C-alpha cells in the first residue's frame, strides 16, 4: 500500500488524535498530536487532515479525546459538555457528510450508555471510535475489490484530487483499486490531475501512488481532455464527499468537468465512496452546501510572491457537484450501484 503499516493518516495514541499533517506533504512527513478541540477544529478546517472518510475517523477519535477530558460527575453534565464540543467540531467543514455522520454516531453511543458510570461511558466511546476506524478500513478494501472488478490489466486510469490512503483509515476509495491492482500485477497507468488550487493530486495522490510503485503520471487539470482524446484513459475513478439520494455526487472542485469530458469521450466514470457518504436526506445535489475557501489559496498560497493583481476578486468553491447522468456507477463497500440511483442507492440501506 501507499502508506506502510507504521504510517496512518489518522490514529489514536496516548489519548491524543494523531494525524499526518497533509499540508507538509510531499516535502515532509510530519505527525502531529492533537488534544484540544480548537486545534482539532483548525486541523480539519486547514486541511491538515482531509478526505471525507479520514475526517469521519478523526471526528470519532476527537470526541473520545474530549470525553477523557470532561470532569463532570453525572451524565447530564457530561452530555452537555460533550454536545457543546460536538457542535463546535461540526462547524469546521460543511460539505463532507462523514464528519456529521461520525459525530452523530458518537453521540448516539453516548446516549446508549447513559446508565453506565462516567468511566464506563468513556470506555464505550473509545470502543466506538475504534470501530469507526476499523469499519472504514474494511469498507475501503471492499470498495477496492468491487472497483477492481470493473477494470482490466494495463488500463489507463484518471483520478482527480486525493481519494487514497491519506484520505481514509487505509487503502483509500478511488485509489484502493489502484493499490490492489499494483499488488496483483495489473500494470495500471495512472494519470493524476494536479487538482488546483490546493494541489491534492500533485502533493498527495502522486506521492502515495509513487511511493507504492504505481506507474503514475502527473498532469495539469486542463490536460485531461487531450489524454482522453489520445486514448490513454479507459476509466475515471474519483472519490466523493457527499452523494445525494438521486446519485448526484459532490467531490473536489473540477470533478464535474472531468465527468463531462469522460461522457464526451465515452469513458466510464466511477464514483467511489463508503456508504456513510450517501446522504438519503439530501434529495439532489442542489441541496449540498458548497464550502467557499479563502482567496489566498488561489492568489498566493503556493507562490513566493502573489500571482494575481492585488485586490482582484476571487471565487474559490472547494467542491462541485457531478450530475448523476454523468456517473456510470457508484462503488461502495456494498457493491457496484448503477442507475437508477434513487432506487438502487436506497436499497443498500
Protein backbone atom coordinates (compact mmCIF):
# COMPACT_ATOMS: atom_id res chain seq x y z
CA UNK A 1 0.00 0.00 0.00
CA UNK A 2 0.98 3.63 -0.36
CA UNK A 3 1.47 4.00 3.36
CA UNK A 4 3.27 1.42 5.46
CA UNK A 5 1.58 -0.11 8.48
CA UNK A 6 3.54 2.30 10.68
CA UNK A 7 2.15 5.35 8.87
CA UNK A 8 -1.55 6.07 9.24
CA UNK A 9 -3.25 9.29 8.18
CA UNK A 10 -5.35 9.18 11.38
CA UNK A 11 -4.79 7.26 14.60
CA UNK A 12 -5.11 7.42 18.37
CA UNK A 13 -2.14 7.48 20.72
CA UNK A 14 -1.96 8.33 24.42
CA UNK A 15 -5.47 9.78 24.36
CA UNK A 16 -4.46 12.14 21.55
CA UNK A 17 -5.61 12.33 17.95
CA UNK A 18 -2.56 11.73 15.77
CA UNK A 19 -2.58 12.82 12.14
CA UNK A 20 -0.17 13.25 9.28
CA UNK A 21 -0.05 16.98 8.57
CA UNK A 22 -1.00 16.77 4.90
CA UNK A 23 -0.15 20.42 4.32
CA UNK A 24 3.54 19.42 4.71
CA UNK A 25 3.46 16.67 2.06
CA UNK A 26 5.24 15.72 -0.11
CA UNK A 27 8.28 17.54 1.29
CA UNK A 28 7.96 16.30 4.85
CA UNK A 29 6.10 13.51 6.63
CA UNK A 30 5.12 15.20 9.87
CA UNK A 31 2.93 13.65 12.56
CA UNK A 32 1.13 15.93 15.00
CA UNK A 33 -0.65 15.03 18.24
CA UNK A 34 -3.82 16.96 18.95
CA UNK A 35 -5.63 17.12 22.28
CA UNK A 36 -7.59 20.39 22.29
CA UNK A 37 -10.80 20.85 20.33
CA UNK A 38 -9.63 24.18 18.91
CA UNK A 39 -6.51 22.62 17.38
CA UNK A 40 -8.54 19.69 16.04
CA UNK A 41 -11.05 22.13 14.54
CA UNK A 42 -8.16 24.03 12.94
CA UNK A 43 -6.60 20.81 11.61
CA UNK A 44 -9.83 19.88 9.83
CA UNK A 45 -10.50 23.37 8.50
CA UNK A 46 -6.90 23.93 7.35
CA UNK A 47 -6.86 20.51 5.63
CA UNK A 48 -4.11 19.06 7.79
CA UNK A 49 -6.47 16.09 7.84
CA UNK A 50 -8.77 15.83 4.82
CA UNK A 51 -10.79 13.37 2.81
CA UNK A 52 -14.34 12.59 3.91
CA UNK A 53 -13.64 9.16 5.48
CA UNK A 54 -10.48 10.37 7.26
CA UNK A 55 -12.36 13.37 8.62
CA UNK A 56 -15.00 11.00 9.96
CA UNK A 57 -12.39 8.82 11.66
CA UNK A 58 -10.71 11.93 13.08
CA UNK A 59 -14.05 13.17 14.40
CA UNK A 60 -14.70 9.89 16.18
CA UNK A 61 -11.32 9.92 17.86
CA UNK A 62 -11.65 13.63 18.65
CA UNK A 63 -14.87 13.07 20.57
CA UNK A 64 -13.26 10.26 22.55
CA UNK A 65 -10.30 12.52 23.34
CA UNK A 66 -12.75 15.18 24.52
CA UNK A 67 -14.57 12.61 26.64
CA UNK A 68 -11.36 11.79 28.52
CA UNK A 69 -11.06 15.46 29.46
CA UNK A 70 -14.60 16.04 30.78
CA UNK A 71 -14.59 16.31 34.58
CA UNK A 72 -18.34 16.03 35.06
CA UNK A 73 -19.54 13.58 37.71
CA UNK A 74 -23.00 12.91 36.28
CA UNK A 75 -24.45 12.03 32.90
CA UNK A 76 -26.37 15.28 32.32
CA UNK A 77 -23.31 17.49 32.83
CA UNK A 78 -21.11 15.09 30.87
CA UNK A 79 -23.55 15.08 27.95
CA UNK A 80 -23.87 18.88 27.97
CA UNK A 81 -20.12 19.39 27.62
CA UNK A 82 -19.83 16.59 25.06
CA UNK A 83 -22.65 18.08 22.96
CA UNK A 84 -21.06 21.54 23.02
CA UNK A 85 -17.78 20.10 21.72
CA UNK A 86 -19.60 18.06 19.08
CA UNK A 87 -21.49 21.07 17.73
CA UNK A 88 -18.28 23.09 17.64
CA UNK A 89 -16.39 20.45 15.69
CA UNK A 90 -19.30 20.11 13.24
CA UNK A 91 -18.73 23.71 12.14
CA UNK A 92 -15.25 23.02 10.77
CA UNK A 93 -16.24 21.68 7.31
CA UNK A 94 -19.78 21.92 5.91
CA UNK A 95 -19.68 19.60 2.87
CA UNK A 96 -18.22 16.23 3.92
CA UNK A 97 -21.11 14.22 5.34
CA UNK A 98 -18.79 11.79 7.16
CA UNK A 99 -17.94 14.49 9.69
CA UNK A 100 -21.56 14.78 10.82
CA UNK A 101 -22.17 11.05 10.49
CA UNK A 102 -19.28 10.20 12.81
CA UNK A 103 -20.20 12.91 15.32
CA UNK A 104 -23.82 11.72 15.39
CA UNK A 105 -22.68 8.14 15.82
CA UNK A 106 -20.52 9.06 18.81
CA UNK A 107 -23.42 10.98 20.37
CA UNK A 108 -25.77 8.04 19.78
CA UNK A 109 -23.33 5.69 21.55
CA UNK A 110 -23.10 8.13 24.44
CA UNK A 111 -26.88 8.16 24.81
CA UNK A 112 -26.98 4.37 24.60
CA UNK A 113 -24.58 4.10 27.55
CA UNK A 114 -26.24 6.75 29.74
CA UNK A 115 -26.90 4.30 32.58
CA UNK A 116 -23.21 3.41 32.90
CA UNK A 117 -20.66 5.13 35.09
CA UNK A 118 -18.67 8.00 33.57
CA UNK A 119 -15.57 5.78 33.14
CA UNK A 120 -17.81 3.18 31.51
CA UNK A 121 -19.17 5.77 29.09
CA UNK A 122 -15.67 6.94 28.20
CA UNK A 123 -14.59 3.36 27.56
CA UNK A 124 -17.62 2.80 25.31
CA UNK A 125 -16.80 5.95 23.33
CA UNK A 126 -13.25 4.70 22.80
CA UNK A 127 -14.66 1.41 21.52
CA UNK A 128 -16.99 3.27 19.13
CA UNK A 129 -14.22 5.48 17.78
CA UNK A 130 -12.03 2.46 17.08
CA UNK A 131 -15.00 0.77 15.39
CA UNK A 132 -15.44 3.75 13.04
CA UNK A 133 -11.78 3.45 12.03
CA UNK A 134 -11.81 -0.34 11.64
CA UNK A 135 -15.02 -0.29 9.62
CA UNK A 136 -13.65 2.38 7.29
CA UNK A 137 -10.52 0.32 6.65
CA UNK A 138 -12.65 -2.73 5.81
CA UNK A 139 -15.05 -0.75 3.62
CA UNK A 140 -12.18 0.82 1.68
CA UNK A 141 -10.72 -2.61 0.98
CA UNK A 142 -14.12 -3.83 -0.22
CA UNK A 143 -14.55 -0.73 -2.39
CA UNK A 144 -11.20 -1.53 -3.98
CA UNK A 145 -12.24 -5.10 -4.71
CA UNK A 146 -15.54 -4.02 -6.29
CA UNK A 147 -13.88 -1.27 -8.33
CA UNK A 148 -11.15 -3.65 -9.49
CA UNK A 149 -13.83 -5.91 -10.96
CA UNK A 150 -14.69 -3.07 -13.37
CA UNK A 151 -11.12 -2.66 -14.64
CA UNK A 152 -8.76 -4.62 -16.85
CA UNK A 153 -4.99 -5.06 -16.71
CA UNK A 154 -2.88 -2.43 -18.48
CA UNK A 155 -5.69 0.13 -18.49
CA UNK A 156 -5.02 3.83 -18.21
CA UNK A 157 -6.87 5.38 -15.27
CA UNK A 158 -7.51 9.01 -14.42
CA UNK A 159 -8.18 10.29 -10.90
CA UNK A 160 -8.91 13.75 -9.51
CA UNK A 161 -7.91 15.05 -6.06
CA UNK A 162 -6.84 12.50 -3.44
CA UNK A 163 -9.11 9.61 -2.52
CA UNK A 164 -6.34 7.36 -1.31
CA UNK A 165 -4.88 6.07 1.93
CA UNK A 166 -4.28 9.63 3.10
CA UNK A 167 -7.99 10.39 2.85
CA UNK A 168 -9.19 7.30 4.74
CA UNK A 169 -8.30 4.91 7.53
CA UNK A 170 -6.34 2.84 4.98
CA UNK A 171 -6.29 1.86 1.29
CA UNK A 172 -8.43 4.75 0.04
CA UNK A 173 -11.60 4.74 -2.04
CA UNK A 174 -10.87 5.68 -5.65
CA UNK A 175 -7.21 4.73 -5.23
CA UNK A 176 -7.91 1.47 -3.44
CA UNK A 177 -8.34 -0.45 -6.70
CA UNK A 178 -5.09 1.04 -7.97
CA UNK A 179 -3.21 -0.16 -4.90
CA UNK A 180 -4.79 -3.61 -5.08
CA UNK A 181 -4.08 -3.74 -8.81
CA UNK A 182 -0.44 -2.89 -8.14
CA UNK A 183 -0.18 -5.80 -5.72
CA UNK A 184 -1.75 -8.17 -8.27
CA UNK A 185 0.21 -7.16 -11.34
CA UNK A 186 -2.48 -5.23 -13.22
CA UNK A 187 0.11 -2.77 -14.51
CA UNK A 188 -2.24 0.21 -14.45
CA UNK A 189 -1.05 3.50 -15.94
CA UNK A 190 -2.49 6.14 -13.63
CA UNK A 191 -2.82 9.83 -14.51
CA UNK A 192 -3.36 12.18 -11.57
CA UNK A 193 -4.84 15.63 -12.05
CA UNK A 194 -2.92 18.21 -10.02
CA UNK A 195 -6.22 19.48 -8.54
CA UNK A 196 -5.90 23.24 -8.25
CA UNK A 197 -5.83 25.35 -6.20
CA UNK A 198 -4.69 23.16 -3.28
CA UNK A 199 -2.89 20.59 -5.45
CA UNK A 200 -4.05 17.47 -3.59
CA UNK A 201 -3.46 15.41 -6.72
CA UNK A 202 0.10 16.65 -7.10
CA UNK A 203 1.08 16.71 -3.44
CA UNK A 204 -0.86 13.68 -2.19
CA UNK A 205 -2.13 11.27 -4.86
CA UNK A 206 1.05 11.42 -6.91
CA UNK A 207 3.08 10.98 -3.73
CA UNK A 208 1.26 7.96 -2.34
CA UNK A 209 0.93 6.21 -5.72
CA UNK A 210 4.61 6.80 -6.47
CA UNK A 211 5.54 5.50 -3.01
CA UNK A 212 3.52 2.35 -3.75
CA UNK A 213 5.37 1.76 -7.03
CA UNK A 214 2.35 2.54 -9.21
CA UNK A 215 3.10 3.88 -12.70
CA UNK A 216 1.72 7.39 -12.10
CA UNK A 217 1.92 10.48 -14.31
CA UNK A 218 1.02 13.92 -13.00
CA UNK A 219 -0.91 16.23 -15.32
CA UNK A 220 -2.32 19.74 -15.02
CA UNK A 221 -6.08 19.86 -14.64
CA UNK A 222 -6.54 21.30 -18.13
CA UNK A 223 -4.71 18.36 -19.72
CA UNK A 224 -7.41 15.77 -19.01
CA UNK A 225 -9.13 16.28 -22.36
CA UNK A 226 -6.08 15.68 -24.51
CA UNK A 227 -5.07 12.44 -22.82
CA UNK A 228 -8.63 11.17 -23.16
CA UNK A 229 -8.62 12.09 -26.83
CA UNK A 230 -5.29 10.32 -27.28
CA UNK A 231 -6.84 7.11 -25.93
CA UNK A 232 -4.72 6.96 -22.79
CA UNK A 233 -7.67 6.71 -20.40
CA UNK A 234 -10.03 3.72 -20.17
CA UNK A 235 -11.74 4.66 -16.89
CA UNK A 236 -12.02 7.54 -14.44
CA UNK A 237 -12.19 6.88 -10.70
CA UNK A 238 -12.88 9.64 -8.18
CA UNK A 239 -13.89 9.85 -4.55
CA UNK A 240 -16.82 11.74 -3.05
CA UNK A 241 -17.60 13.86 -0.02
CA UNK A 242 -21.36 13.52 -0.22
CA UNK A 243 -23.75 11.63 -2.50
CA UNK A 244 -27.35 12.79 -2.71
CA UNK A 245 -30.26 10.35 -2.80
CA UNK A 246 -30.54 10.73 -6.59
CA UNK A 247 -26.86 9.95 -7.18
CA UNK A 248 -25.56 13.49 -7.63
CA UNK A 249 -22.08 13.50 -6.09
CA UNK A 250 -20.05 16.28 -4.50
CA UNK A 251 -16.31 15.98 -4.83
CA UNK A 252 -13.29 18.27 -5.09
CA UNK A 253 -13.72 21.21 -7.44
CA UNK A 254 -13.09 20.20 -11.04
CA UNK A 255 -14.61 16.73 -10.75
CA UNK A 256 -17.75 17.64 -12.70
CA UNK A 257 -15.61 18.93 -15.57
CA UNK A 258 -13.75 15.63 -15.71
CA UNK A 259 -17.10 13.79 -15.77
CA UNK A 260 -18.31 15.92 -18.69
CA UNK A 261 -15.12 15.13 -20.61
CA UNK A 262 -15.46 11.41 -19.85
CA UNK A 263 -19.02 11.44 -21.14
CA UNK A 264 -17.89 13.13 -24.35
CA UNK A 265 -15.15 10.55 -24.95
CA UNK A 266 -17.37 7.60 -23.88
CA UNK A 267 -15.15 6.72 -20.92
CA UNK A 268 -16.77 5.16 -17.81
CA UNK A 269 -16.83 7.48 -14.81
CA UNK A 270 -16.91 5.80 -11.40
CA UNK A 271 -17.56 7.49 -8.06
CA UNK A 272 -16.06 5.53 -5.16
CA UNK A 273 -17.01 6.03 -1.54
CA UNK A 274 -18.25 4.29 1.60
CA UNK A 275 -21.94 4.01 2.29
CA UNK A 276 -21.50 6.66 5.00
CA UNK A 277 -21.02 9.31 2.30
CA UNK A 278 -24.52 8.65 0.90
CA UNK A 279 -26.98 11.12 2.36
CA UNK A 280 -30.52 9.95 1.68
CA UNK A 281 -31.81 13.03 3.48
CA UNK A 282 -30.28 15.14 0.71
CA UNK A 283 -32.60 14.74 -2.28
CA UNK A 284 -30.37 16.18 -5.03
CA UNK A 285 -27.04 17.87 -5.49
CA UNK A 286 -28.79 21.22 -5.26
CA UNK A 287 -29.23 20.56 -1.54
CA UNK A 288 -25.49 20.08 -0.92
CA UNK A 289 -23.83 23.08 0.72
CA UNK A 290 -20.64 24.02 -1.13
CA UNK A 291 -17.84 25.34 1.03
CA UNK A 292 -16.10 28.55 -0.08
CA UNK A 293 -12.41 28.74 0.75
CA UNK A 294 -10.07 31.72 1.33
CA UNK A 295 -8.99 33.86 -1.65
CA UNK A 296 -5.33 33.40 -0.79
CA UNK A 297 -5.43 29.72 -1.79
CA UNK A 298 -5.79 30.92 -5.39
CA UNK A 299 -3.69 34.08 -5.40
CA UNK A 300 -0.62 33.39 -3.30
CA UNK A 301 -0.53 30.26 -1.14
CA UNK A 302 1.81 28.24 -3.37
CA UNK A 303 3.89 31.13 -4.71
CA UNK A 304 6.90 33.01 -3.40
CA UNK A 305 5.05 36.20 -4.28
CA UNK A 306 1.39 36.88 -5.19
CA UNK A 307 0.48 35.70 -8.70
CA UNK A 308 -2.66 37.80 -9.17
CA UNK A 309 -3.38 41.55 -9.11
CA UNK A 310 -3.74 42.93 -5.61
CA UNK A 311 -7.40 43.32 -4.69
CA UNK A 312 -8.77 41.21 -7.55
CA UNK A 313 -11.98 39.35 -6.70
CA UNK A 314 -11.64 35.58 -6.25
CA UNK A 315 -14.28 32.86 -6.32
CA UNK A 316 -12.97 29.72 -4.64
CA UNK A 317 -15.55 26.93 -4.13
CA UNK A 318 -13.94 23.84 -2.67
CA UNK A 319 -16.33 21.34 -4.29
CA UNK A 320 -18.62 20.93 -7.24
CA UNK A 321 -21.48 18.51 -7.85
CA UNK A 322 -21.37 15.93 -10.63
CA UNK A 323 -24.81 15.27 -12.06
CA UNK A 324 -25.95 11.67 -11.75
CA UNK A 325 -26.44 11.48 -15.53
CA UNK A 326 -22.65 11.68 -15.91
CA UNK A 327 -21.91 8.85 -13.46
CA UNK A 328 -21.56 5.31 -14.81
CA UNK A 329 -21.70 3.70 -11.38
CA UNK A 330 -21.19 4.43 -7.69
CA UNK A 331 -18.92 1.93 -5.98
CA UNK A 332 -19.40 1.32 -2.25
CA UNK A 333 -18.40 -1.48 0.10
CA UNK A 334 -21.81 -2.97 -0.69
CA UNK A 335 -21.02 -3.36 -4.38
CA UNK A 336 -21.35 -1.56 -7.71
CA UNK A 337 -24.50 0.57 -7.85
CA UNK A 338 -25.80 1.57 -11.26
CA UNK A 339 -28.73 3.76 -12.34
CA UNK A 340 -31.49 4.31 -11.46
CA UNK A 341 -29.66 5.69 -8.42
CA UNK A 342 -32.71 6.90 -6.50
CA UNK A 343 -33.97 3.35 -6.27
CA UNK A 344 -30.68 1.47 -6.07
CA UNK A 345 -28.89 3.67 -3.52
CA UNK A 346 -31.77 3.41 -1.06
CA UNK A 347 -31.76 -0.37 -1.41
CA UNK A 348 -28.36 -0.72 0.30
CA UNK A 349 -29.79 0.79 3.46
